[in-house]
Amino acid sequence: MIIMHAKLHVNPVKEDAFLEEIQPLIASSREEEGNISYRLQKDTENENVYTMIEVWQDMQAVASHNSSDHFIKFTAKAQDFLAAPLEIEAFEGQKLKL
């Protein structure tokens, strides 16, 4: 399982437009084969910071996502909304039974 955290520092003036533009990316990504979870979370300590938390079955699913039309379309627009460079972290893990 691959877990991706993409931190987005959104320009406060463009936050509403960002939230509108990211919705198709979220909806389409959730429909992709190999997607386990795709959620946008707002940071409660840092104003205008969001983290996309993605969980994928494997790196093949991540690669497929990164080459998808909806991902490419959003990333082409993303620079219009961001106030700082995108920060991405990737983790490999497995679900634990508690």
PDB file of N, CA and C in Angstrom:
ATOM      1  N   MET A   1       0.849  -1.166   0.000  1.00  0.00           N
ATOM      2  CA  MET A   1       0.000   0.000   0.000  1.00  0.00           C
ATOM      3  C   MET A   1       0.898   1.234   0.000  1.00  0.00           C
ATOM      4  N   ILE A   2       0.565   2.209  -0.849  1.00  0.00           N
ATOM      5  CA  ILE A   2       1.312   3.454  -0.954  1.00  0.00           C
ATOM      6  C   ILE A   2       0.436   4.587  -0.411  1.00  0.00           C
ATOM      7  N   ILE A   3       1.014   5.384   0.479  1.00  0.00           N
ATOM      8  CA  ILE A   3       0.312   6.510   1.087  1.00  0.00           C
ATOM      9  C   ILE A   3       1.039   7.779   0.661  1.00  0.00           C
ATOM     10  N   MET A   4       0.290   8.691   0.084  1.00  0.00           N
ATOM     11  CA  MET A   4       0.859   9.949  -0.382  1.00  0.00           C
ATOM     12  C   MET A   4       0.240  11.100   0.405  1.00  0.00           C
ATOM     13  N   HIS A   5       1.080  12.042   0.809  1.00  0.00           N
ATOM     14  CA  HIS A   5       0.622  13.284   1.434  1.00  0.00           C
ATOM     15  C   HIS A   5       1.103  14.425   0.548  1.00  0.00           C
ATOM     16  N   ALA A   6       0.173  15.161  -0.028  1.00  0.00           N
ATOM     17  CA  ALA A   6       0.520  16.318  -0.852  1.00  0.00           C
ATOM     18  C   ALA A   6       0.023  17.564  -0.134  1.00  0.00           C
ATOM     19  N   LYS A   7       0.958  18.350   0.372  1.00  0.00           N
ATOM     20  CA  LYS A   7       0.608  19.562   1.132  1.00  0.00           C
ATOM     21  C   LYS A   7       0.530  20.742   0.174  1.00  0.00           C
ATOM     22  N   LEU A   8      -0.606  21.433   0.231  1.00  0.00           N
ATOM     23  CA  LEU A   8      -0.880  22.556  -0.659  1.00  0.00           C
ATOM     24  C   LEU A   8      -1.059  23.828   0.173  1.00  0.00           C
ATOM     25  N   HIS A   9      -0.203  24.802  -0.045  1.00  0.00           N
ATOM     26  CA  HIS A   9      -0.309  26.117   0.598  1.00  0.00           C
ATOM     27  C   HIS A   9      -1.069  27.009  -0.383  1.00  0.00           C
ATOM     28  N   VAL A  10      -2.332  27.245  -0.087  1.00  0.00           N
ATOM     29  CA  VAL A  10      -3.215  27.932  -1.011  1.00  0.00           C
ATOM     30  C   VAL A  10      -3.198  29.438  -0.775  1.00  0.00           C
ATOM     31  N   ASN A  11      -3.142  30.192  -1.865  1.00  0.00           N
ATOM     32  CA  ASN A  11      -3.248  31.636  -1.800  1.00  0.00           C
ATOM     33  C   ASN A  11      -4.625  31.970  -1.225  1.00  0.00           C
ATOM     34  N   PRO A  12      -4.703  32.699  -0.105  1.00  0.00           N
ATOM     35  CA  PRO A  12      -5.995  32.959   0.540  1.00  0.00           C
ATOM     36  C   PRO A  12      -7.009  33.647  -0.379  1.00  0.00           C
ATOM     37  N   VAL A  13      -6.548  34.458  -1.284  1.00  0.00           N
ATOM     38  CA  VAL A  13      -7.437  35.158  -2.208  1.00  0.00           C
ATOM     39  C   VAL A  13      -8.085  34.179  -3.190  1.00  0.00           C
ATOM     40  N   LYS A  14      -7.424  33.050  -3.433  1.00  0.00           N
ATOM     41  CA  LYS A  14      -7.901  32.093  -4.431  1.00  0.00           C
ATOM     42  C   LYS A  14      -8.425  30.792  -3.807  1.00  0.00           C
ATOM     43  N   GLU A  15      -8.665  30.801  -2.510  1.00  0.00           N
ATOM     44  CA  GLU A  15      -9.080  29.576  -1.817  1.00  0.00           C
ATOM     45  C   GLU A  15     -10.412  29.037  -2.344  1.00  0.00           C
ATOM     46  N   ASP A  16     -11.388  29.883  -2.550  1.00  0.00           N
ATOM     47  CA  ASP A  16     -12.688  29.410  -3.047  1.00  0.00           C
ATOM     48  C   ASP A  16     -12.553  28.774  -4.429  1.00  0.00           C
ATOM     49  N   ALA A  17     -11.789  29.400  -5.300  1.00  0.00           N
ATOM     50  CA  ALA A  17     -11.574  28.843  -6.646  1.00  0.00           C
ATOM     51  C   ALA A  17     -10.826  27.516  -6.560  1.00  0.00           C
ATOM     52  N   PHE A  18      -9.838  27.438  -5.671  1.00  0.00           N
ATOM     53  CA  PHE A  18      -9.100  26.192  -5.463  1.00  0.00           C
ATOM     54  C   PHE A  18     -10.048  25.069  -5.044  1.00  0.00           C
ATOM     55  N   LEU A  19     -10.897  25.344  -4.071  1.00  0.00           N
ATOM     56  CA  LEU A  19     -11.815  24.323  -3.569  1.00  0.00           C
ATOM     57  C   LEU A  19     -12.799  23.871  -4.656  1.00  0.00           C
ATOM     58  N   GLU A  20     -13.181  24.762  -5.517  1.00  0.00           N
ATOM     59  CA  GLU A  20     -14.071  24.396  -6.624  1.00  0.00           C
ATOM     60  C   GLU A  20     -13.334  23.561  -7.671  1.00  0.00           C
ATOM     61  N   GLU A  21     -12.133  23.973  -8.020  1.00  0.00           N
ATOM     62  CA  GLU A  21     -11.361  23.285  -9.059  1.00  0.00           C
ATOM     63  C   GLU A  21     -10.876  21.903  -8.637  1.00  0.00           C
ATOM     64  N   ILE A  22     -10.678  21.678  -7.346  1.00  0.00           N
ATOM     65  CA  ILE A  22     -10.127  20.402  -6.898  1.00  0.00           C
ATOM     66  C   ILE A  22     -11.197  19.308  -6.797  1.00  0.00           C
ATOM     67  N   GLN A  23     -12.472  19.697  -6.758  1.00  0.00           N
ATOM     68  CA  GLN A  23     -13.537  18.702  -6.601  1.00  0.00           C
ATOM     69  C   GLN A  23     -13.564  17.653  -7.721  1.00  0.00           C
ATOM     70  N   PRO A  24     -13.439  18.026  -9.002  1.00  0.00           N
ATOM     71  CA  PRO A  24     -13.412  16.995 -10.045  1.00  0.00           C
ATOM     72  C   PRO A  24     -12.217  16.045  -9.911  1.00  0.00           C
ATOM     73  N   LEU A  25     -11.069  16.579  -9.474  1.00  0.00           N
ATOM     74  CA  LEU A  25      -9.900  15.722  -9.254  1.00  0.00           C
ATOM     75  C   LEU A  25     -10.203  14.687  -8.179  1.00  0.00           C
ATOM     76  N   ILE A  26     -10.792  15.121  -7.084  1.00  0.00           N
ATOM     77  CA  ILE A  26     -11.110  14.205  -5.987  1.00  0.00           C
ATOM     78  C   ILE A  26     -12.096  13.138  -6.453  1.00  0.00           C
ATOM     79  N   ALA A  27     -13.168  13.552  -7.086  1.00  0.00           N
ATOM     80  CA  ALA A  27     -14.195  12.598  -7.528  1.00  0.00           C
ATOM     81  C   ALA A  27     -13.636  11.599  -8.528  1.00  0.00           C
ATOM     82  N   SER A  28     -12.894  12.064  -9.517  1.00  0.00           N
ATOM     83  CA  SER A  28     -12.344  11.163 -10.532  1.00  0.00           C
ATOM     84  C   SER A  28     -11.278  10.243  -9.955  1.00  0.00           C
ATOM     85  N   SER A  29     -10.461  10.745  -9.052  1.00  0.00           N
ATOM     86  CA  SER A  29      -9.399   9.933  -8.449  1.00  0.00           C
ATOM     87  C   SER A  29      -9.978   8.797  -7.612  1.00  0.00           C
ATOM     88  N   ARG A  30     -11.063   9.064  -6.924  1.00  0.00           N
ATOM     89  CA  ARG A  30     -11.707   8.030  -6.111  1.00  0.00           C
ATOM     90  C   ARG A  30     -12.250   6.895  -6.967  1.00  0.00           C
ATOM     91  N   GLU A  31     -12.528   7.169  -8.239  1.00  0.00           N
ATOM     92  CA  GLU A  31     -13.057   6.157  -9.149  1.00  0.00           C
ATOM     93  C   GLU A  31     -11.957   5.323  -9.816  1.00  0.00           C
ATOM     94  N   GLU A  32     -10.720   5.720  -9.657  1.00  0.00           N
ATOM     95  CA  GLU A  32      -9.621   5.025 -10.332  1.00  0.00           C
ATOM     96  C   GLU A  32      -9.390   3.634  -9.748  1.00  0.00           C
ATOM     97  N   GLU A  33      -9.004   2.730 -10.645  1.00  0.00           N
ATOM     98  CA  GLU A  33      -8.614   1.397 -10.204  1.00  0.00           C
ATOM     99  C   GLU A  33      -7.345   1.531  -9.367  1.00  0.00           C
ATOM    100  N   GLY A  34      -7.311   0.872  -8.242  1.00  0.00           N
ATOM    101  CA  GLY A  34      -6.148   0.929  -7.366  1.00  0.00           C
ATOM    102  C   GLY A  34      -6.231   1.992  -6.293  1.00  0.00           C
ATOM    103  N   ASN A  35      -7.271   2.841  -6.332  1.00  0.00           N
ATOM    104  CA  ASN A  35      -7.427   3.850  -5.288  1.00  0.00           C
ATOM    105  C   ASN A  35      -8.157   3.249  -4.096  1.00  0.00           C
ATOM    106  N   ILE A  36      -7.593   3.449  -2.926  1.00  0.00           N
ATOM    107  CA  ILE A  36      -8.218   2.999  -1.685  1.00  0.00           C
ATOM    108  C   ILE A  36      -8.888   4.176  -0.985  1.00  0.00           C
ATOM    109  N   SER A  37      -8.232   5.338  -1.024  1.00  0.00           N
ATOM    110  CA  SER A  37      -8.778   6.524  -0.368  1.00  0.00           C
ATOM    111  C   SER A  37      -8.141   7.759  -0.988  1.00  0.00           C
ATOM    112  N   TYR A  38      -8.927   8.833  -1.072  1.00  0.00           N
ATOM    113  CA  TYR A  38      -8.432  10.092  -1.641  1.00  0.00           C
ATOM    114  C   TYR A  38      -9.195  11.212  -0.948  1.00  0.00           C
ATOM    115  N   ARG A  39      -8.547  11.876   0.030  1.00  0.00           N
ATOM    116  CA  ARG A  39      -9.238  12.864   0.864  1.00  0.00           C
ATOM    117  C   ARG A  39      -8.440  14.152   0.968  1.00  0.00           C
ATOM    118  N   LEU A  40      -9.153  15.267   0.900  1.00  0.00           N
ATOM    119  CA  LEU A  40      -8.545  16.574   1.118  1.00  0.00           C
ATOM    120  C   LEU A  40      -8.861  16.999   2.542  1.00  0.00           C
ATOM    121  N   GLN A  41      -7.825  17.322   3.299  1.00  0.00           N
ATOM    122  CA  GLN A  41      -7.986  17.735   4.693  1.00  0.00           C
ATOM    123  C   GLN A  41      -7.449  19.154   4.870  1.00  0.00           C
ATOM    124  N   LYS A  42      -8.203  19.976   5.580  1.00  0.00           N
ATOM    125  CA  LYS A  42      -7.738  21.330   5.889  1.00  0.00           C
ATOM    126  C   LYS A  42      -6.955  21.308   7.190  1.00  0.00           C
ATOM    127  N   ASP A  43      -5.806  21.949   7.178  1.00  0.00           N
ATOM    128  CA  ASP A  43      -4.956  22.032   8.362  1.00  0.00           C
ATOM    129  C   ASP A  43      -5.637  22.939   9.390  1.00  0.00           C
ATOM    130  N   THR A  44      -5.766  22.467  10.614  1.00  0.00           N
ATOM    131  CA  THR A  44      -6.430  23.258  11.659  1.00  0.00           C
ATOM    132  C   THR A  44      -5.471  24.210  12.369  1.00  0.00           C
ATOM    133  N   GLU A  45      -4.174  24.071  12.100  1.00  0.00           N
ATOM    134  CA  GLU A  45      -3.192  24.932  12.756  1.00  0.00           C
ATOM    135  C   GLU A  45      -2.574  25.956  11.817  1.00  0.00           C
ATOM    136  N   ASN A  46      -2.643  25.698  10.518  1.00  0.00           N
ATOM    137  CA  ASN A  46      -2.036  26.590   9.530  1.00  0.00           C
ATOM    138  C   ASN A  46      -3.096  27.021   8.522  1.00  0.00           C
ATOM    139  N   GLU A  47      -3.446  28.277   8.577  1.00  0.00           N
ATOM    140  CA  GLU A  47      -4.479  28.830   7.701  1.00  0.00           C
ATOM    141  C   GLU A  47      -4.104  28.637   6.237  1.00  0.00           C
ATOM    142  N   ASN A  48      -5.064  28.252   5.426  1.00  0.00           N
ATOM    143  CA  ASN A  48      -4.912  28.090   3.981  1.00  0.00           C
ATOM    144  C   ASN A  48      -3.958  26.969   3.574  1.00  0.00           C
ATOM    145  N   VAL A  49      -3.767  26.004   4.443  1.00  0.00           N
ATOM    146  CA  VAL A  49      -2.955  24.832   4.119  1.00  0.00           C
ATOM    147  C   VAL A  49      -3.868  23.611   4.105  1.00  0.00           C
ATOM    148  N   TYR A  50      -3.754  22.844   3.036  1.00  0.00           N
ATOM    149  CA  TYR A  50      -4.532  21.621   2.856  1.00  0.00           C
ATOM    150  C   TYR A  50      -3.572  20.478   2.592  1.00  0.00           C
ATOM    151  N   THR A  51      -3.992  19.272   2.955  1.00  0.00           N
ATOM    152  CA  THR A  51      -3.218  18.084   2.621  1.00  0.00           C
ATOM    153  C   THR A  51      -4.127  17.084   1.937  1.00  0.00           C
ATOM    154  N   MET A  52      -3.697  16.652   0.746  1.00  0.00           N
ATOM    155  CA  MET A  52      -4.388  15.581   0.050  1.00  0.00           C
ATOM    156  C   MET A  52      -3.761  14.290   0.562  1.00  0.00           C
ATOM    157  N   ILE A  53      -4.583  13.452   1.182  1.00  0.00           N
ATOM    158  CA  ILE A  53      -4.109  12.174   1.702  1.00  0.00           C
ATOM    159  C   ILE A  53      -4.633  11.092   0.774  1.00  0.00           C
ATOM    160  N   GLU A  54      -3.706  10.446   0.091  1.00  0.00           N
ATOM    161  CA  GLU A  54      -4.046   9.447  -0.914  1.00  0.00           C
ATOM    162  C   GLU A  54      -3.541   8.081  -0.467  1.00  0.00           C
ATOM    163  N   VAL A  55      -4.345   7.061  -0.669  1.00  0.00           N
ATOM    164  CA  VAL A  55      -3.919   5.693  -0.392  1.00  0.00           C
ATOM    165  C   VAL A  55      -4.170   4.885  -1.657  1.00  0.00           C
ATOM    166  N   TRP A  56      -3.115   4.223  -2.134  1.00  0.00           N
ATOM    167  CA  TRP A  56      -3.148   3.464  -3.381  1.00  0.00           C
ATOM    168  C   TRP A  56      -2.700   2.028  -3.130  1.00  0.00           C
ATOM    169  N   GLN A  57      -3.190   1.114  -3.952  1.00  0.00           N
ATOM    170  CA  GLN A  57      -2.818  -0.294  -3.798  1.00  0.00           C
ATOM    171  C   GLN A  57      -1.322  -0.519  -4.012  1.00  0.00           C
ATOM    172  N   ASP A  58      -0.745   0.166  -5.011  1.00  0.00           N
ATOM    173  CA  ASP A  58       0.664  -0.046  -5.343  1.00  0.00           C
ATOM    174  C   ASP A  58       1.185   1.120  -6.186  1.00  0.00           C
ATOM    175  N   MET A  59       2.475   1.074  -6.526  1.00  0.00           N
ATOM    176  CA  MET A  59       3.079   2.147  -7.306  1.00  0.00           C
ATOM    177  C   MET A  59       2.524   2.213  -8.721  1.00  0.00           C
ATOM    178  N   GLN A  60       2.065   1.104  -9.243  1.00  0.00           N
ATOM    179  CA  GLN A  60       1.446   1.114 -10.566  1.00  0.00           C
ATOM    180  C   GLN A  60       0.193   1.979 -10.557  1.00  0.00           C
ATOM    181  N   ALA A  61      -0.603   1.881  -9.494  1.00  0.00           N
ATOM    182  CA  ALA A  61      -1.804   2.708  -9.365  1.00  0.00           C
ATOM    183  C   ALA A  61      -1.433   4.185  -9.239  1.00  0.00           C
ATOM    184  N   VAL A  62      -0.363   4.487  -8.514  1.00  0.00           N
ATOM    185  CA  VAL A  62       0.103   5.872  -8.382  1.00  0.00           C
ATOM    186  C   VAL A  62       0.534   6.409  -9.750  1.00  0.00           C
ATOM    187  N   ALA A  63       1.300   5.612 -10.483  1.00  0.00           N
ATOM    188  CA  ALA A  63       1.769   6.029 -11.806  1.00  0.00           C
ATOM    189  C   ALA A  63       0.596   6.266 -12.752  1.00  0.00           C
ATOM    190  N   SER A  64      -0.388   5.399 -12.695  1.00  0.00           N
ATOM    191  CA  SER A  64      -1.568   5.554 -13.534  1.00  0.00           C
ATOM    192  C   SER A  64      -2.310   6.844 -13.170  1.00  0.00           C
ATOM    193  N   HIS A  65      -2.447   7.094 -11.894  1.00  0.00           N
ATOM    194  CA  HIS A  65      -3.098   8.324 -11.423  1.00  0.00           C
ATOM    195  C   HIS A  65      -2.343   9.556 -11.919  1.00  0.00           C
ATOM    196  N   ASN A  66      -1.023   9.537 -11.780  1.00  0.00           N
ATOM    197  CA  ASN A  66      -0.212  10.692 -12.159  1.00  0.00           C
ATOM    198  C   ASN A  66      -0.249  10.983 -13.652  1.00  0.00           C
ATOM    199  N   SER A  67      -0.655  10.013 -14.452  1.00  0.00           N
ATOM    200  CA  SER A  67      -0.753  10.234 -15.896  1.00  0.00           C
ATOM    201  C   SER A  67      -2.209  10.374 -16.363  1.00  0.00           C
ATOM    202  N   SER A  68      -3.146  10.401 -15.425  1.00  0.00           N
ATOM    203  CA  SER A  68      -4.566  10.510 -15.775  1.00  0.00           C
ATOM    204  C   SER A  68      -4.896  11.931 -16.246  1.00  0.00           C
ATOM    205  N   ASP A  69      -5.910  12.039 -17.085  1.00  0.00           N
ATOM    206  CA  ASP A  69      -6.321  13.343 -17.610  1.00  0.00           C
ATOM    207  C   ASP A  69      -6.727  14.302 -16.502  1.00  0.00           C
ATOM    208  N   HIS A  70      -7.495  13.812 -15.519  1.00  0.00           N
ATOM    209  CA  HIS A  70      -7.967  14.712 -14.455  1.00  0.00           C
ATOM    210  C   HIS A  70      -6.819  15.215 -13.584  1.00  0.00           C
ATOM    211  N   PHE A  71      -5.804  14.388 -13.366  1.00  0.00           N
ATOM    212  CA  PHE A  71      -4.646  14.814 -12.577  1.00  0.00           C
ATOM    213  C   PHE A  71      -3.840  15.849 -13.354  1.00  0.00           C
ATOM    214  N   ILE A  72      -3.577  15.569 -14.618  1.00  0.00           N
ATOM    215  CA  ILE A  72      -2.802  16.492 -15.450  1.00  0.00           C
ATOM    216  C   ILE A  72      -3.529  17.825 -15.589  1.00  0.00           C
ATOM    217  N   LYS A  73      -4.837  17.769 -15.769  1.00  0.00           N
ATOM    218  CA  LYS A  73      -5.631  18.992 -15.903  1.00  0.00           C
ATOM    219  C   LYS A  73      -5.546  19.841 -14.631  1.00  0.00           C
ATOM    220  N   PHE A  74      -5.668  19.203 -13.466  1.00  0.00           N
ATOM    221  CA  PHE A  74      -5.606  19.965 -12.221  1.00  0.00           C
ATOM    222  C   PHE A  74      -4.204  20.520 -11.985  1.00  0.00           C
ATOM    223  N   THR A  75      -3.178  19.715 -12.181  1.00  0.00           N
ATOM    224  CA  THR A  75      -1.822  20.193 -11.904  1.00  0.00           C
ATOM    225  C   THR A  75      -1.432  21.351 -12.817  1.00  0.00           C
ATOM    226  N   ALA A  76      -1.999  21.395 -14.019  1.00  0.00           N
ATOM    227  CA  ALA A  76      -1.729  22.523 -14.911  1.00  0.00           C
ATOM    228  C   ALA A  76      -2.289  23.822 -14.332  1.00  0.00           C
ATOM    229  N   LYS A  77      -3.378  23.732 -13.585  1.00  0.00           N
ATOM    230  CA  LYS A  77      -4.004  24.914 -12.976  1.00  0.00           C
ATOM    231  C   LYS A  77      -3.490  25.192 -11.563  1.00  0.00           C
ATOM    232  N   ALA A  78      -2.899  24.220 -10.929  1.00  0.00           N
ATOM    233  CA  ALA A  78      -2.557  24.314  -9.502  1.00  0.00           C
ATOM    234  C   ALA A  78      -1.682  25.513  -9.171  1.00  0.00           C
ATOM    235  N   GLN A  79      -0.737  25.844 -10.030  1.00  0.00           N
ATOM    236  CA  GLN A  79       0.161  26.963  -9.739  1.00  0.00           C
ATOM    237  C   GLN A  79      -0.591  28.281  -9.586  1.00  0.00           C
ATOM    238  N   ASP A  80      -1.763  28.373 -10.202  1.00  0.00           N
ATOM    239  CA  ASP A  80      -2.578  29.585 -10.068  1.00  0.00           C
ATOM    240  C   ASP A  80      -3.119  29.764  -8.653  1.00  0.00           C
ATOM    241  N   PHE A  81      -3.215  28.665  -7.908  1.00  0.00           N
ATOM    242  CA  PHE A  81      -3.827  28.697  -6.583  1.00  0.00           C
ATOM    243  C   PHE A  81      -2.811  28.652  -5.441  1.00  0.00           C
ATOM    244  N   LEU A  82      -1.607  28.192  -5.715  1.00  0.00           N
ATOM    245  CA  LEU A  82      -0.650  27.934  -4.644  1.00  0.00           C
ATOM    246  C   LEU A  82       0.193  29.155  -4.304  1.00  0.00           C
ATOM    247  N   ALA A  83       0.469  29.309  -2.999  1.00  0.00           N
ATOM    248  CA  ALA A  83       1.300  30.400  -2.505  1.00  0.00           C
ATOM    249  C   ALA A  83       2.720  29.925  -2.204  1.00  0.00           C
ATOM    250  N   ALA A  84       2.950  28.607  -2.313  1.00  0.00           N
ATOM    251  CA  ALA A  84       4.265  28.007  -2.056  1.00  0.00           C
ATOM    252  C   ALA A  84       4.340  26.713  -2.863  1.00  0.00           C
ATOM    253  N   PRO A  85       5.546  26.206  -3.075  1.00  0.00           N
ATOM    254  CA  PRO A  85       5.672  24.960  -3.825  1.00  0.00           C
ATOM    255  C   PRO A  85       4.949  23.795  -3.131  1.00  0.00           C
ATOM    256  N   LEU A  86       4.402  22.914  -3.932  1.00  0.00           N
ATOM    257  CA  LEU A  86       3.747  21.709  -3.449  1.00  0.00           C
ATOM    258  C   LEU A  86       4.761  20.837  -2.708  1.00  0.00           C
ATOM    259  N   GLU A  87       4.366  20.295  -1.563  1.00  0.00           N
ATOM    260  CA  GLU A  87       5.231  19.399  -0.786  1.00  0.00           C
ATOM    261  C   GLU A  87       4.618  18.003  -0.824  1.00  0.00           C
ATOM    262  N   ILE A  88       5.388  17.006  -1.281  1.00  0.00           N
ATOM    263  CA  ILE A  88       4.864  15.652  -1.398  1.00  0.00           C
ATOM    264  C   ILE A  88       5.731  14.694  -0.593  1.00  0.00           C
ATOM    265  N   GLU A  89       5.062  13.848   0.182  1.00  0.00           N
ATOM    266  CA  GLU A  89       5.726  12.770   0.912  1.00  0.00           C
ATOM    267  C   GLU A  89       5.041  11.467   0.517  1.00  0.00           C
ATOM    268  N   ALA A  90       5.822  10.402   0.399  1.00  0.00           N
ATOM    269  CA  ALA A  90       5.266   9.090   0.055  1.00  0.00           C
ATOM    270  C   ALA A  90       5.722   8.081   1.103  1.00  0.00           C
ATOM    271  N   PHE A  91       4.809   7.176   1.443  1.00  0.00           N
ATOM    272  CA  PHE A  91       5.074   6.162   2.451  1.00  0.00           C
ATOM    273  C   PHE A  91       4.606   4.811   1.931  1.00  0.00           C
ATOM    274  N   GLU A  92       5.257   3.774   2.369  1.00  0.00           N
ATOM    275  CA  GLU A  92       4.805   2.427   2.064  1.00  0.00           C
ATOM    276  C   GLU A  92       4.331   1.820   3.366  1.00  0.00           C
ATOM    277  N   GLY A  93       3.173   1.183   3.350  1.00  0.00           N
ATOM    278  CA  GLY A  93       2.649   0.636   4.585  1.00  0.00           C
ATOM    279  C   GLY A  93       1.663  -0.471   4.329  1.00  0.00           C
ATOM    280  N   GLN A  94       1.120  -0.957   5.405  1.00  0.00           N
ATOM    281  CA  GLN A  94       0.086  -1.974   5.325  1.00  0.00           C
ATOM    282  C   GLN A  94      -0.902  -1.735   6.443  1.00  0.00           C
ATOM    283  N   LYS A  95      -2.140  -2.138   6.207  1.00  0.00           N
ATOM    284  CA  LYS A  95      -3.182  -1.966   7.196  1.00  0.00           C
ATOM    285  C   LYS A  95      -2.947  -2.950   8.338  1.00  0.00           C
ATOM    286  N   LEU A  96      -3.041  -2.460   9.544  1.00  0.00           N
ATOM    287  CA  LEU A  96      -2.860  -3.307  10.718  1.00  0.00           C
ATOM    288  C   LEU A  96      -4.211  -3.742  11.280  1.00  0.00           C
ATOM    289  N   LYS A  97      -4.267  -4.954  11.745  1.00  0.00           N
ATOM    290  CA  LYS A  97      -5.477  -5.429  12.429  1.00  0.00           C
ATOM    291  C   LYS A  97      -5.293  -5.179  13.920  1.00  0.00           C
ATOM    292  N   LEU A  98      -6.184  -4.412  14.487  1.00  0.00           N
ATOM    293  CA  LEU A  98      -6.062  -4.068  15.916  1.00  0.00           C
ATOM    294  C   LEU A  98      -7.032  -4.885  16.741  1.00  0.00           C
TER     295      LEU A  98
END
